[in-house]
Amino acid sequence: MPGDEIEVPKELREFMLEEAEETFLGQKNGAERQYRYGNLHIREYDDKFLIHNDRIDPRKDPIGHLVYDAPEVLIGLACAIFGGSHIAKKIQNKNSKKLSLTTRLVSSIISGYLGYTTTKKIKNYLE
């Protein structure tokens, strides 16, 4: 099932699929490296591998992967764009353009972070 991770200790067996490709796609979550093999997402740590199956391979369908496997990223971006802009408009100082840009940036970062973390918690709860 997507979301469930399997831990493979390195001392048990140093394993890596020959066809797996090292990738930057996906959250590393502290891993040294990460690999993809089809829908498998493999994270390599000092002492173990963590492996989970994504619904959609992001190399073939990045938008579908975001929608089904990482909706928290899309919601975080939407909150950053729309929520941050809306909040900044409410508190912006019309006499200072610099303050307005700073306010928009800070409110976008905060809105995006809150949207991302809230969605991630909900997603983890539902899995």
N, C-alpha and C. Protein backbone atom coordinates (compact mmCIF):
# COMPACT_ATOMS: atom_id res chain seq x y z
N MET A 1 0.85 -1.19 0.00
CA MET A 1 0.00 0.00 0.00
C MET A 1 0.89 1.24 0.00
N PRO A 2 0.55 2.24 -0.81
CA PRO A 2 1.36 3.46 -0.81
C PRO A 2 1.42 4.08 0.58
N GLY A 3 2.59 4.60 0.92
CA GLY A 3 2.78 5.23 2.22
C GLY A 3 3.44 4.32 3.23
N ASP A 4 3.22 3.00 3.12
CA ASP A 4 3.86 2.07 4.03
C ASP A 4 5.32 1.89 3.62
N GLU A 5 6.21 2.03 4.62
CA GLU A 5 7.63 1.88 4.33
C GLU A 5 8.15 0.58 4.90
N ILE A 6 9.05 -0.04 4.16
CA ILE A 6 9.74 -1.24 4.60
C ILE A 6 11.16 -0.85 4.92
N GLU A 7 11.64 -1.28 6.08
CA GLU A 7 13.02 -0.99 6.49
C GLU A 7 13.87 -2.23 6.24
N VAL A 8 14.96 -2.05 5.51
CA VAL A 8 15.91 -3.13 5.24
C VAL A 8 17.25 -2.72 5.84
N PRO A 9 17.64 -3.35 6.98
CA PRO A 9 18.93 -3.00 7.59
C PRO A 9 20.09 -3.36 6.67
N LYS A 10 21.09 -2.49 6.60
CA LYS A 10 22.25 -2.76 5.74
C LYS A 10 23.04 -3.97 6.22
N GLU A 11 23.10 -4.16 7.54
CA GLU A 11 23.88 -5.30 8.03
C GLU A 11 23.23 -6.63 7.66
N LEU A 12 21.91 -6.61 7.48
CA LEU A 12 21.22 -7.82 7.05
C LEU A 12 21.60 -8.16 5.61
N ARG A 13 21.60 -7.14 4.80
CA ARG A 13 21.94 -7.37 3.39
C ARG A 13 22.13 -6.03 2.71
N GLU A 14 23.27 -5.82 2.13
CA GLU A 14 23.53 -4.62 1.32
C GLU A 14 22.83 -4.87 -0.02
N PHE A 15 21.74 -4.19 -0.24
CA PHE A 15 20.97 -4.47 -1.44
C PHE A 15 20.72 -3.20 -2.23
N MET A 16 20.66 -3.34 -3.49
CA MET A 16 20.27 -2.25 -4.37
C MET A 16 19.95 -2.88 -5.71
N LEU A 17 18.82 -2.53 -6.24
CA LEU A 17 18.45 -3.03 -7.55
C LEU A 17 19.38 -2.42 -8.59
N GLU A 18 19.89 -3.25 -9.46
CA GLU A 18 20.82 -2.75 -10.47
C GLU A 18 20.18 -1.72 -11.39
N GLU A 19 18.90 -1.85 -11.64
CA GLU A 19 18.22 -0.93 -12.55
C GLU A 19 17.74 0.35 -11.86
N ALA A 20 17.83 0.41 -10.54
CA ALA A 20 17.37 1.60 -9.83
C ALA A 20 18.26 2.79 -10.17
N GLU A 21 17.63 3.94 -10.35
CA GLU A 21 18.36 5.16 -10.71
C GLU A 21 18.39 6.12 -9.53
N GLU A 22 19.57 6.69 -9.27
CA GLU A 22 19.66 7.72 -8.23
C GLU A 22 18.87 8.93 -8.72
N THR A 23 18.16 9.58 -7.80
CA THR A 23 17.28 10.68 -8.18
C THR A 23 17.26 11.77 -7.12
N PHE A 24 16.90 12.95 -7.53
CA PHE A 24 16.68 14.06 -6.60
C PHE A 24 15.19 14.23 -6.33
N LEU A 25 14.34 13.50 -7.08
CA LEU A 25 12.89 13.61 -6.92
C LEU A 25 12.43 12.95 -5.64
N GLY A 26 11.74 13.68 -4.82
CA GLY A 26 11.21 13.14 -3.57
C GLY A 26 11.90 13.76 -2.38
N GLN A 27 11.28 13.62 -1.23
CA GLN A 27 11.85 14.16 -0.01
C GLN A 27 12.89 13.17 0.51
N LYS A 28 14.08 13.68 0.76
CA LYS A 28 15.16 12.82 1.23
C LYS A 28 14.97 12.38 2.67
N ASN A 29 14.31 13.17 3.48
CA ASN A 29 14.08 12.83 4.89
C ASN A 29 15.36 12.39 5.59
N GLY A 30 16.46 13.09 5.32
CA GLY A 30 17.73 12.79 5.99
C GLY A 30 18.54 11.69 5.34
N ALA A 31 18.08 11.14 4.24
CA ALA A 31 18.80 10.05 3.57
C ALA A 31 20.06 10.58 2.89
N GLU A 32 21.06 9.70 2.77
CA GLU A 32 22.28 10.05 2.04
C GLU A 32 21.99 10.14 0.55
N ARG A 33 21.25 9.17 0.05
CA ARG A 33 20.89 9.11 -1.37
C ARG A 33 19.47 8.57 -1.47
N GLN A 34 18.87 8.79 -2.64
CA GLN A 34 17.58 8.17 -2.91
C GLN A 34 17.55 7.68 -4.34
N TYR A 35 16.78 6.64 -4.55
CA TYR A 35 16.71 5.97 -5.84
C TYR A 35 15.26 5.75 -6.21
N ARG A 36 15.05 5.55 -7.49
CA ARG A 36 13.73 5.19 -7.99
C ARG A 36 13.87 3.99 -8.92
N TYR A 37 12.93 3.09 -8.77
CA TYR A 37 12.83 1.92 -9.65
C TYR A 37 11.35 1.72 -9.90
N GLY A 38 10.87 2.22 -11.04
CA GLY A 38 9.44 2.21 -11.29
C GLY A 38 8.75 3.06 -10.23
N ASN A 39 7.79 2.46 -9.56
CA ASN A 39 7.06 3.19 -8.51
C ASN A 39 7.73 3.06 -7.15
N LEU A 40 8.83 2.32 -7.04
CA LEU A 40 9.54 2.20 -5.77
C LEU A 40 10.39 3.43 -5.52
N HIS A 41 10.30 3.95 -4.30
CA HIS A 41 11.14 5.06 -3.86
C HIS A 41 12.02 4.48 -2.75
N ILE A 42 13.32 4.49 -2.96
CA ILE A 42 14.27 3.86 -2.05
C ILE A 42 15.17 4.96 -1.46
N ARG A 43 15.18 5.06 -0.13
CA ARG A 43 16.06 6.01 0.54
C ARG A 43 17.17 5.23 1.23
N GLU A 44 18.40 5.68 1.02
CA GLU A 44 19.55 5.02 1.63
C GLU A 44 20.09 5.85 2.79
N TYR A 45 20.21 5.22 3.95
CA TYR A 45 20.76 5.83 5.16
C TYR A 45 22.05 5.09 5.52
N ASP A 46 22.75 5.56 6.54
CA ASP A 46 23.99 4.90 6.98
C ASP A 46 23.79 3.43 7.28
N ASP A 47 22.69 3.11 7.95
CA ASP A 47 22.51 1.75 8.47
C ASP A 47 21.36 0.98 7.85
N LYS A 48 20.61 1.60 6.94
CA LYS A 48 19.41 0.93 6.41
C LYS A 48 18.96 1.55 5.10
N PHE A 49 18.01 0.86 4.47
CA PHE A 49 17.26 1.38 3.35
C PHE A 49 15.81 1.49 3.80
N LEU A 50 15.13 2.55 3.44
CA LEU A 50 13.68 2.66 3.64
C LEU A 50 13.05 2.67 2.25
N ILE A 51 12.08 1.81 2.05
CA ILE A 51 11.48 1.63 0.73
C ILE A 51 9.97 1.77 0.84
N HIS A 52 9.40 2.52 -0.07
CA HIS A 52 7.94 2.56 -0.16
C HIS A 52 7.54 2.61 -1.62
N ASN A 53 6.28 2.26 -1.87
CA ASN A 53 5.75 2.22 -3.22
C ASN A 53 4.87 3.44 -3.44
N ASP A 54 5.20 4.26 -4.42
CA ASP A 54 4.35 5.39 -4.79
C ASP A 54 3.27 4.92 -5.75
N ARG A 55 2.17 5.61 -5.76
CA ARG A 55 1.11 5.27 -6.71
C ARG A 55 1.56 5.59 -8.14
N ILE A 56 2.26 6.72 -8.28
CA ILE A 56 2.65 7.20 -9.62
C ILE A 56 4.13 7.56 -9.61
N ASP A 57 4.84 7.12 -10.64
CA ASP A 57 6.26 7.43 -10.80
C ASP A 57 6.40 8.91 -11.21
N PRO A 58 7.07 9.74 -10.41
CA PRO A 58 7.16 11.16 -10.72
C PRO A 58 7.98 11.46 -11.98
N ARG A 59 8.80 10.50 -12.40
CA ARG A 59 9.57 10.72 -13.63
C ARG A 59 8.68 10.62 -14.87
N LYS A 60 7.57 9.90 -14.75
CA LYS A 60 6.65 9.74 -15.89
C LYS A 60 5.48 10.72 -15.82
N ASP A 61 5.01 11.01 -14.61
CA ASP A 61 3.85 11.88 -14.44
C ASP A 61 4.02 12.71 -13.17
N PRO A 62 4.82 13.81 -13.25
CA PRO A 62 5.09 14.59 -12.05
C PRO A 62 3.84 15.20 -11.40
N ILE A 63 2.89 15.66 -12.20
CA ILE A 63 1.68 16.25 -11.65
C ILE A 63 0.82 15.18 -10.97
N GLY A 64 0.67 14.05 -11.62
CA GLY A 64 -0.08 12.95 -11.02
C GLY A 64 0.56 12.48 -9.72
N HIS A 65 1.89 12.45 -9.67
CA HIS A 65 2.59 12.07 -8.45
C HIS A 65 2.29 13.07 -7.33
N LEU A 66 2.31 14.35 -7.64
CA LEU A 66 2.00 15.36 -6.63
C LEU A 66 0.57 15.22 -6.13
N VAL A 67 -0.36 14.97 -7.03
CA VAL A 67 -1.77 14.86 -6.66
C VAL A 67 -2.02 13.64 -5.78
N TYR A 68 -1.49 12.48 -6.17
CA TYR A 68 -1.80 11.24 -5.46
C TYR A 68 -0.81 10.86 -4.37
N ASP A 69 0.46 11.21 -4.52
CA ASP A 69 1.48 10.77 -3.56
C ASP A 69 1.99 11.90 -2.66
N ALA A 70 1.90 13.13 -3.10
CA ALA A 70 2.43 14.25 -2.32
C ALA A 70 1.52 15.47 -2.39
N PRO A 71 0.24 15.31 -2.03
CA PRO A 71 -0.68 16.45 -2.13
C PRO A 71 -0.28 17.59 -1.20
N GLU A 72 0.46 17.28 -0.14
CA GLU A 72 0.89 18.33 0.79
C GLU A 72 1.78 19.37 0.10
N VAL A 73 2.51 18.95 -0.92
CA VAL A 73 3.36 19.89 -1.66
C VAL A 73 2.48 20.85 -2.46
N LEU A 74 1.48 20.31 -3.14
CA LEU A 74 0.57 21.18 -3.92
C LEU A 74 -0.20 22.13 -3.01
N ILE A 75 -0.69 21.64 -1.89
CA ILE A 75 -1.46 22.49 -0.98
C ILE A 75 -0.55 23.55 -0.37
N GLY A 76 0.69 23.16 -0.02
CA GLY A 76 1.65 24.14 0.51
C GLY A 76 1.92 25.25 -0.49
N LEU A 77 2.11 24.87 -1.76
CA LEU A 77 2.34 25.88 -2.81
C LEU A 77 1.12 26.78 -2.99
N ALA A 78 -0.06 26.17 -3.01
CA ALA A 78 -1.28 26.97 -3.17
C ALA A 78 -1.46 27.94 -2.00
N CYS A 79 -1.19 27.45 -0.79
CA CYS A 79 -1.30 28.33 0.38
C CYS A 79 -0.27 29.46 0.30
N ALA A 80 0.93 29.14 -0.17
CA ALA A 80 1.97 30.16 -0.28
C ALA A 80 1.57 31.23 -1.29
N ILE A 81 1.02 30.80 -2.40
CA ILE A 81 0.68 31.75 -3.47
C ILE A 81 -0.57 32.57 -3.11
N PHE A 82 -1.64 31.87 -2.76
CA PHE A 82 -2.91 32.56 -2.56
C PHE A 82 -3.08 33.09 -1.13
N GLY A 83 -2.77 32.26 -0.16
CA GLY A 83 -2.91 32.67 1.23
C GLY A 83 -1.95 33.78 1.60
N GLY A 84 -0.69 33.62 1.21
CA GLY A 84 0.31 34.63 1.53
C GLY A 84 -0.01 35.97 0.90
N SER A 85 -0.45 35.94 -0.35
CA SER A 85 -0.80 37.17 -1.05
C SER A 85 -2.00 37.85 -0.39
N HIS A 86 -2.98 37.05 -0.01
CA HIS A 86 -4.19 37.60 0.62
C HIS A 86 -3.87 38.22 1.98
N ILE A 87 -3.07 37.52 2.77
CA ILE A 87 -2.68 38.04 4.09
C ILE A 87 -1.88 39.33 3.94
N ALA A 88 -0.94 39.33 3.00
CA ALA A 88 -0.09 40.51 2.80
C ALA A 88 -0.93 41.73 2.40
N LYS A 89 -1.94 41.52 1.58
CA LYS A 89 -2.80 42.63 1.16
C LYS A 89 -3.54 43.23 2.35
N LYS A 90 -3.88 42.38 3.29
CA LYS A 90 -4.62 42.85 4.47
C LYS A 90 -3.74 43.70 5.39
N ILE A 91 -2.43 43.38 5.45
CA ILE A 91 -1.57 44.08 6.41
C ILE A 91 -0.54 45.00 5.76
N GLN A 92 -0.58 45.08 4.45
CA GLN A 92 0.46 45.86 3.77
C GLN A 92 0.38 47.35 4.08
N ASN A 93 1.52 47.96 4.12
CA ASN A 93 1.64 49.40 4.34
C ASN A 93 1.75 50.04 2.96
N LYS A 94 0.75 50.78 2.56
CA LYS A 94 0.73 51.36 1.22
C LYS A 94 1.82 52.41 1.00
N ASN A 95 2.43 52.91 2.05
CA ASN A 95 3.47 53.92 1.92
C ASN A 95 4.86 53.33 1.67
N SER A 96 5.02 52.03 1.80
CA SER A 96 6.33 51.43 1.64
C SER A 96 6.26 50.18 0.77
N LYS A 97 6.78 50.31 -0.46
CA LYS A 97 6.79 49.17 -1.38
C LYS A 97 7.71 48.07 -0.86
N LYS A 98 8.84 48.45 -0.25
CA LYS A 98 9.78 47.47 0.29
C LYS A 98 9.12 46.65 1.38
N LEU A 99 8.42 47.29 2.25
CA LEU A 99 7.72 46.58 3.32
C LEU A 99 6.66 45.66 2.72
N SER A 100 5.99 46.11 1.66
CA SER A 100 4.97 45.30 1.02
C SER A 100 5.57 44.01 0.47
N LEU A 101 6.71 44.10 -0.21
CA LEU A 101 7.36 42.91 -0.77
C LEU A 101 7.83 41.98 0.35
N THR A 102 8.39 42.54 1.40
CA THR A 102 8.83 41.74 2.54
C THR A 102 7.64 41.06 3.21
N THR A 103 6.57 41.81 3.38
CA THR A 103 5.36 41.27 4.00
C THR A 103 4.80 40.12 3.17
N ARG A 104 4.76 40.30 1.85
CA ARG A 104 4.26 39.24 0.97
C ARG A 104 5.12 37.99 1.06
N LEU A 105 6.43 38.17 1.06
CA LEU A 105 7.34 37.03 1.13
C LEU A 105 7.18 36.27 2.45
N VAL A 106 7.19 36.99 3.56
CA VAL A 106 7.07 36.35 4.87
C VAL A 106 5.71 35.67 5.01
N SER A 107 4.65 36.34 4.62
CA SER A 107 3.32 35.73 4.76
C SER A 107 3.17 34.53 3.83
N SER A 108 3.79 34.56 2.66
CA SER A 108 3.74 33.41 1.75
C SER A 108 4.48 32.22 2.33
N ILE A 109 5.65 32.46 2.92
CA ILE A 109 6.42 31.37 3.53
C ILE A 109 5.64 30.75 4.68
N ILE A 110 5.09 31.58 5.53
CA ILE A 110 4.33 31.07 6.68
C ILE A 110 3.08 30.32 6.22
N SER A 111 2.33 30.89 5.27
CA SER A 111 1.12 30.22 4.77
C SER A 111 1.45 28.90 4.10
N GLY A 112 2.49 28.89 3.29
CA GLY A 112 2.91 27.65 2.62
C GLY A 112 3.32 26.58 3.60
N TYR A 113 4.09 26.97 4.61
CA TYR A 113 4.56 26.02 5.62
C TYR A 113 3.38 25.46 6.41
N LEU A 114 2.46 26.32 6.82
CA LEU A 114 1.30 25.85 7.57
C LEU A 114 0.42 24.92 6.73
N GLY A 115 0.21 25.27 5.46
CA GLY A 115 -0.57 24.40 4.57
C GLY A 115 0.09 23.05 4.37
N TYR A 116 1.40 23.06 4.16
CA TYR A 116 2.16 21.83 3.95
C TYR A 116 2.11 20.94 5.19
N THR A 117 2.47 21.49 6.35
CA THR A 117 2.55 20.67 7.56
C THR A 117 1.18 20.15 7.99
N THR A 118 0.15 20.96 7.85
CA THR A 118 -1.20 20.52 8.22
C THR A 118 -1.64 19.37 7.31
N THR A 119 -1.43 19.52 6.01
CA THR A 119 -1.82 18.47 5.07
C THR A 119 -1.01 17.20 5.30
N LYS A 120 0.27 17.35 5.61
CA LYS A 120 1.13 16.19 5.87
C LYS A 120 0.63 15.43 7.10
N LYS A 121 0.24 16.15 8.15
CA LYS A 121 -0.29 15.50 9.36
C LYS A 121 -1.60 14.78 9.07
N ILE A 122 -2.47 15.41 8.31
CA ILE A 122 -3.73 14.78 7.94
C ILE A 122 -3.48 13.53 7.10
N LYS A 123 -2.59 13.64 6.13
CA LYS A 123 -2.25 12.51 5.27
C LYS A 123 -1.70 11.34 6.10
N ASN A 124 -0.78 11.62 7.01
CA ASN A 124 -0.20 10.57 7.85
C ASN A 124 -1.25 9.95 8.76
N TYR A 125 -2.17 10.75 9.26
CA TYR A 125 -3.25 10.24 10.11
C TYR A 125 -4.15 9.29 9.33
N LEU A 126 -4.45 9.64 8.08
CA LEU A 126 -5.36 8.83 7.27
C LEU A 126 -4.71 7.54 6.77
N GLU A 127 -3.38 7.53 6.69
CA GLU A 127 -2.69 6.31 6.22
C GLU A 127 -2.59 5.38 7.34
